[in-house]
């Protein structure tokens, strides 16, 4: 078993309820727990099936150089990239992120 965290944005209430069965919601849309690989994969299947137009990220402790791994679902300004075997996050501002600035 390993520590697992899921962060969701704009997902349907039924997914939030489903996540709360397996993980503790410590802030709105932020879930944590200590789960097996099998349960983690089942949770991610639920996220990918029920998130609709929302987005989510799941991170979990694992035996890698960084000590964790993660997976994402949906569109977000932060997307994973592989850099020489290391998982990093690329930030691409959305067009509406700069509105109102001169």
N, C-alpha and C. Protein backbone atom coordinates (compact mmCIF):
# COMPACT_ATOMS: atom_id res chain seq x y z
N UNK A 1 0.84 -1.18 0.00
CA UNK A 1 0.00 0.00 0.00
C UNK A 1 0.89 1.24 0.00
N UNK A 2 0.37 2.30 -0.62
CA UNK A 2 1.13 3.54 -0.66
C UNK A 2 0.19 4.73 -0.63
N UNK A 3 0.75 5.86 -0.22
CA UNK A 3 -0.01 7.10 -0.15
C UNK A 3 -0.45 7.49 -1.56
N UNK A 4 -1.69 7.93 -1.67
CA UNK A 4 -2.26 8.31 -2.95
C UNK A 4 -3.04 9.61 -2.76
N UNK A 5 -2.97 10.50 -3.74
CA UNK A 5 -3.70 11.76 -3.69
C UNK A 5 -4.38 11.99 -5.04
N UNK A 6 -5.63 12.46 -5.00
CA UNK A 6 -6.36 12.83 -6.21
C UNK A 6 -6.85 14.25 -6.03
N UNK A 7 -6.61 15.08 -7.05
CA UNK A 7 -7.12 16.46 -7.06
C UNK A 7 -8.03 16.60 -8.26
N UNK A 8 -9.24 17.09 -8.04
CA UNK A 8 -10.22 17.23 -9.12
C UNK A 8 -10.65 18.68 -9.28
N UNK A 9 -11.06 19.02 -10.49
CA UNK A 9 -11.65 20.33 -10.80
C UNK A 9 -12.84 20.10 -11.71
N UNK A 10 -13.95 20.74 -11.39
CA UNK A 10 -15.15 20.75 -12.24
C UNK A 10 -15.63 19.35 -12.61
N UNK A 11 -15.64 18.45 -11.63
CA UNK A 11 -16.14 17.10 -11.88
C UNK A 11 -17.54 16.96 -11.28
N UNK A 12 -18.34 16.04 -11.79
CA UNK A 12 -19.70 15.85 -11.27
C UNK A 12 -19.71 15.38 -9.81
N UNK A 13 -20.75 15.74 -9.08
CA UNK A 13 -20.86 15.32 -7.67
C UNK A 13 -20.78 13.81 -7.49
N UNK A 14 -21.28 13.03 -8.44
CA UNK A 14 -21.25 11.57 -8.27
C UNK A 14 -19.82 11.05 -8.24
N UNK A 15 -18.89 11.69 -8.97
CA UNK A 15 -17.49 11.27 -8.89
C UNK A 15 -16.91 11.66 -7.54
N UNK A 16 -17.21 12.84 -7.07
CA UNK A 16 -16.71 13.26 -5.75
C UNK A 16 -17.19 12.30 -4.67
N UNK A 17 -18.45 11.88 -4.76
CA UNK A 17 -18.97 10.91 -3.81
C UNK A 17 -18.28 9.57 -3.91
N UNK A 18 -18.01 9.13 -5.12
CA UNK A 18 -17.32 7.85 -5.33
C UNK A 18 -15.91 7.90 -4.76
N UNK A 19 -15.21 9.02 -4.97
CA UNK A 19 -13.85 9.15 -4.43
C UNK A 19 -13.86 9.14 -2.90
N UNK A 20 -14.89 9.76 -2.32
CA UNK A 20 -14.98 9.83 -0.85
C UNK A 20 -15.20 8.46 -0.21
N UNK A 21 -15.62 7.46 -0.98
CA UNK A 21 -15.77 6.11 -0.44
C UNK A 21 -14.39 5.52 -0.13
N UNK A 22 -13.39 5.84 -0.96
CA UNK A 22 -12.07 5.23 -0.83
C UNK A 22 -11.02 6.14 -0.20
N UNK A 23 -11.22 7.44 -0.35
CA UNK A 23 -10.21 8.40 0.10
C UNK A 23 -10.85 9.47 0.99
N UNK A 24 -10.05 10.15 1.78
CA UNK A 24 -10.52 11.22 2.65
C UNK A 24 -10.43 12.55 1.91
N UNK A 25 -11.54 13.29 1.85
CA UNK A 25 -11.53 14.60 1.19
C UNK A 25 -11.07 15.64 2.20
N UNK A 26 -9.80 16.09 2.08
CA UNK A 26 -9.22 17.00 3.06
C UNK A 26 -9.46 18.47 2.72
N UNK A 27 -9.76 18.77 1.49
CA UNK A 27 -10.20 20.08 1.01
C UNK A 27 -11.13 19.80 -0.16
N UNK A 28 -11.87 20.79 -0.59
CA UNK A 28 -12.78 20.59 -1.72
C UNK A 28 -11.99 20.10 -2.93
N UNK A 29 -12.30 18.89 -3.38
CA UNK A 29 -11.66 18.32 -4.56
C UNK A 29 -10.29 17.71 -4.33
N UNK A 30 -9.83 17.64 -3.07
CA UNK A 30 -8.52 17.06 -2.76
C UNK A 30 -8.73 15.84 -1.86
N UNK A 31 -8.32 14.67 -2.36
CA UNK A 31 -8.55 13.40 -1.67
C UNK A 31 -7.22 12.71 -1.40
N UNK A 32 -7.06 12.13 -0.22
CA UNK A 32 -5.83 11.40 0.11
C UNK A 32 -6.19 10.08 0.78
N UNK A 33 -5.28 9.13 0.68
CA UNK A 33 -5.47 7.85 1.34
C UNK A 33 -4.27 6.94 1.12
N UNK A 34 -4.28 5.82 1.82
CA UNK A 34 -3.25 4.79 1.71
C UNK A 34 -3.93 3.58 1.10
N UNK A 35 -3.67 3.32 -0.18
CA UNK A 35 -4.39 2.27 -0.89
C UNK A 35 -3.42 1.35 -1.63
N UNK A 36 -3.91 0.17 -1.97
CA UNK A 36 -3.11 -0.79 -2.75
C UNK A 36 -3.09 -0.36 -4.22
N UNK A 37 -2.22 -0.96 -4.97
CA UNK A 37 -2.14 -0.68 -6.41
C UNK A 37 -3.46 -1.02 -7.09
N UNK A 38 -4.07 -2.12 -6.71
CA UNK A 38 -5.34 -2.54 -7.32
C UNK A 38 -6.44 -1.51 -7.07
N UNK A 39 -6.53 -1.01 -5.84
CA UNK A 39 -7.54 -0.01 -5.51
C UNK A 39 -7.23 1.31 -6.22
N UNK A 40 -5.95 1.68 -6.27
CA UNK A 40 -5.56 2.91 -6.97
C UNK A 40 -5.97 2.84 -8.44
N UNK A 41 -5.74 1.72 -9.09
CA UNK A 41 -6.13 1.56 -10.49
C UNK A 41 -7.64 1.59 -10.66
N UNK A 42 -8.39 1.03 -9.72
CA UNK A 42 -9.85 1.07 -9.76
C UNK A 42 -10.35 2.50 -9.59
N UNK A 43 -9.72 3.25 -8.67
CA UNK A 43 -10.10 4.65 -8.47
C UNK A 43 -9.86 5.45 -9.75
N UNK A 44 -8.70 5.22 -10.38
CA UNK A 44 -8.40 5.97 -11.61
C UNK A 44 -9.38 5.62 -12.74
N UNK A 45 -9.80 4.38 -12.80
CA UNK A 45 -10.80 3.98 -13.79
C UNK A 45 -12.09 4.77 -13.55
N UNK A 46 -12.50 4.90 -12.29
CA UNK A 46 -13.69 5.68 -11.96
C UNK A 46 -13.52 7.14 -12.38
N UNK A 47 -12.35 7.71 -12.11
CA UNK A 47 -12.08 9.10 -12.49
C UNK A 47 -12.21 9.25 -14.00
N UNK A 48 -11.56 8.38 -14.75
CA UNK A 48 -11.56 8.51 -16.21
C UNK A 48 -12.95 8.27 -16.82
N UNK A 49 -13.78 7.49 -16.15
CA UNK A 49 -15.13 7.23 -16.65
C UNK A 49 -16.13 8.31 -16.26
N UNK A 50 -15.95 8.95 -15.11
CA UNK A 50 -16.98 9.83 -14.57
C UNK A 50 -16.63 11.31 -14.57
N UNK A 51 -15.42 11.69 -14.91
CA UNK A 51 -15.00 13.10 -14.81
C UNK A 51 -15.63 14.00 -15.86
N UNK A 52 -16.15 13.43 -16.93
CA UNK A 52 -16.79 14.20 -18.01
C UNK A 52 -15.86 15.31 -18.50
N UNK A 53 -16.29 16.58 -18.42
CA UNK A 53 -15.47 17.69 -18.93
C UNK A 53 -14.51 18.25 -17.89
N UNK A 54 -14.50 17.67 -16.69
CA UNK A 54 -13.60 18.14 -15.65
C UNK A 54 -12.19 17.63 -15.88
N UNK A 55 -11.32 17.90 -14.91
CA UNK A 55 -9.96 17.38 -15.00
C UNK A 55 -9.52 16.89 -13.63
N UNK A 56 -8.52 16.03 -13.64
CA UNK A 56 -8.04 15.43 -12.40
C UNK A 56 -6.58 15.02 -12.54
N UNK A 57 -5.93 14.92 -11.40
CA UNK A 57 -4.57 14.38 -11.35
C UNK A 57 -4.52 13.43 -10.16
N UNK A 58 -3.83 12.32 -10.35
CA UNK A 58 -3.59 11.37 -9.26
C UNK A 58 -2.09 11.23 -9.10
N UNK A 59 -1.62 11.35 -7.86
CA UNK A 59 -0.20 11.15 -7.55
C UNK A 59 -0.10 10.10 -6.46
N UNK A 60 0.95 9.28 -6.53
CA UNK A 60 1.13 8.24 -5.52
C UNK A 60 2.61 8.00 -5.28
N UNK A 61 2.90 7.55 -4.07
CA UNK A 61 4.28 7.22 -3.70
C UNK A 61 4.71 5.95 -4.42
N UNK A 62 5.93 5.97 -4.95
CA UNK A 62 6.46 4.80 -5.64
C UNK A 62 7.99 4.85 -5.61
N UNK A 63 8.60 3.78 -6.05
CA UNK A 63 10.05 3.66 -6.01
C UNK A 63 10.66 4.21 -7.30
N UNK A 64 10.65 5.53 -7.44
CA UNK A 64 11.29 6.21 -8.57
C UNK A 64 12.27 7.23 -8.02
N UNK A 65 13.02 7.87 -8.90
CA UNK A 65 13.99 8.86 -8.45
C UNK A 65 13.30 10.00 -7.69
N UNK A 66 12.13 10.40 -8.15
CA UNK A 66 11.41 11.49 -7.48
C UNK A 66 10.62 11.01 -6.26
N UNK A 67 10.39 9.70 -6.15
CA UNK A 67 9.66 9.15 -5.02
C UNK A 67 8.16 9.09 -5.23
N UNK A 68 7.70 9.52 -6.38
CA UNK A 68 6.27 9.49 -6.69
C UNK A 68 6.07 9.41 -8.19
N UNK A 69 4.85 9.11 -8.59
CA UNK A 69 4.46 9.15 -10.00
C UNK A 69 3.08 9.77 -10.06
N UNK A 70 2.63 10.15 -11.24
CA UNK A 70 1.32 10.78 -11.35
C UNK A 70 0.75 10.56 -12.74
N UNK A 71 -0.57 10.74 -12.83
CA UNK A 71 -1.29 10.61 -14.09
C UNK A 71 -2.35 11.71 -14.11
N UNK A 72 -2.69 12.19 -15.31
CA UNK A 72 -3.68 13.26 -15.41
C UNK A 72 -4.83 12.86 -16.33
N UNK A 73 -5.93 13.56 -16.16
CA UNK A 73 -7.11 13.37 -17.01
C UNK A 73 -7.68 14.75 -17.32
N UNK A 74 -8.07 14.95 -18.58
CA UNK A 74 -8.72 16.19 -18.98
C UNK A 74 -7.73 17.28 -19.34
N UNK A 75 -8.29 18.41 -19.76
CA UNK A 75 -7.46 19.54 -20.16
C UNK A 75 -7.11 20.40 -18.97
N UNK A 76 -5.84 20.82 -18.92
CA UNK A 76 -5.36 21.67 -17.86
C UNK A 76 -4.15 22.43 -18.38
N UNK A 77 -3.84 23.56 -17.79
CA UNK A 77 -2.67 24.33 -18.22
C UNK A 77 -1.37 23.62 -17.86
N UNK A 78 -1.43 22.68 -16.93
CA UNK A 78 -0.25 21.92 -16.52
C UNK A 78 -0.38 20.49 -17.04
N UNK A 79 0.55 20.09 -17.89
CA UNK A 79 0.51 18.76 -18.49
C UNK A 79 1.84 18.06 -18.28
N UNK A 80 1.80 16.74 -18.06
CA UNK A 80 3.04 16.00 -17.84
C UNK A 80 3.87 15.86 -19.11
N UNK A 81 5.18 15.89 -18.93
CA UNK A 81 6.12 15.64 -20.03
C UNK A 81 7.21 14.72 -19.50
N UNK A 82 7.77 13.91 -20.39
CA UNK A 82 8.86 13.02 -20.03
C UNK A 82 10.17 13.66 -20.48
N UNK A 83 11.08 13.88 -19.54
CA UNK A 83 12.38 14.46 -19.86
C UNK A 83 13.45 13.50 -19.39
N UNK A 84 14.01 12.73 -20.32
CA UNK A 84 15.05 11.75 -20.05
C UNK A 84 14.67 10.81 -18.91
N UNK A 85 13.43 10.33 -18.97
CA UNK A 85 12.94 9.38 -17.98
C UNK A 85 12.40 10.00 -16.70
N UNK A 86 12.47 11.31 -16.58
CA UNK A 86 11.96 12.01 -15.41
C UNK A 86 10.65 12.69 -15.77
N UNK A 87 9.63 12.49 -14.96
CA UNK A 87 8.32 13.11 -15.22
C UNK A 87 8.34 14.54 -14.69
N UNK A 88 8.08 15.48 -15.57
CA UNK A 88 8.01 16.90 -15.22
C UNK A 88 6.65 17.44 -15.63
N UNK A 89 6.39 18.69 -15.27
CA UNK A 89 5.12 19.32 -15.62
C UNK A 89 5.42 20.58 -16.43
N UNK A 90 4.77 20.67 -17.58
CA UNK A 90 4.90 21.83 -18.46
C UNK A 90 3.69 22.72 -18.27
N UNK A 91 3.94 24.00 -18.04
CA UNK A 91 2.85 24.96 -17.87
C UNK A 91 2.67 25.74 -19.16
N UNK A 92 1.47 25.71 -19.69
CA UNK A 92 1.12 26.45 -20.90
C UNK A 92 -0.07 27.34 -20.56
N UNK A 93 0.15 28.66 -20.44
CA UNK A 93 -0.96 29.54 -20.08
C UNK A 93 -2.09 29.46 -21.11
N UNK A 94 -3.30 29.49 -20.61
CA UNK A 94 -4.46 29.52 -21.51
C UNK A 94 -4.63 30.94 -22.02
N UNK A 95 -5.31 31.08 -23.15
CA UNK A 95 -5.52 32.40 -23.74
C UNK A 95 -6.27 33.33 -22.78
N UNK A 96 -7.21 32.81 -22.00
CA UNK A 96 -8.00 33.66 -21.11
C UNK A 96 -7.26 33.94 -19.79
N UNK A 97 -6.08 33.34 -19.54
CA UNK A 97 -5.32 33.61 -18.32
C UNK A 97 -4.74 35.01 -18.28
N UNK A 98 -4.55 35.64 -19.44
CA UNK A 98 -3.92 36.96 -19.49
C UNK A 98 -4.91 38.09 -19.73
N UNK A 99 -6.17 37.84 -19.68
CA UNK A 99 -7.15 38.89 -19.90
C UNK A 99 -7.10 39.89 -18.75
N UNK A 100 -7.25 41.15 -19.08
CA UNK A 100 -7.25 42.19 -18.07
C UNK A 100 -5.86 42.71 -17.75
N UNK A 101 -4.81 42.11 -18.32
CA UNK A 101 -3.45 42.59 -18.10
C UNK A 101 -3.04 43.47 -19.26
N UNK A 102 -2.24 44.47 -18.97
CA UNK A 102 -1.76 45.37 -20.03
C UNK A 102 -0.37 45.01 -20.45
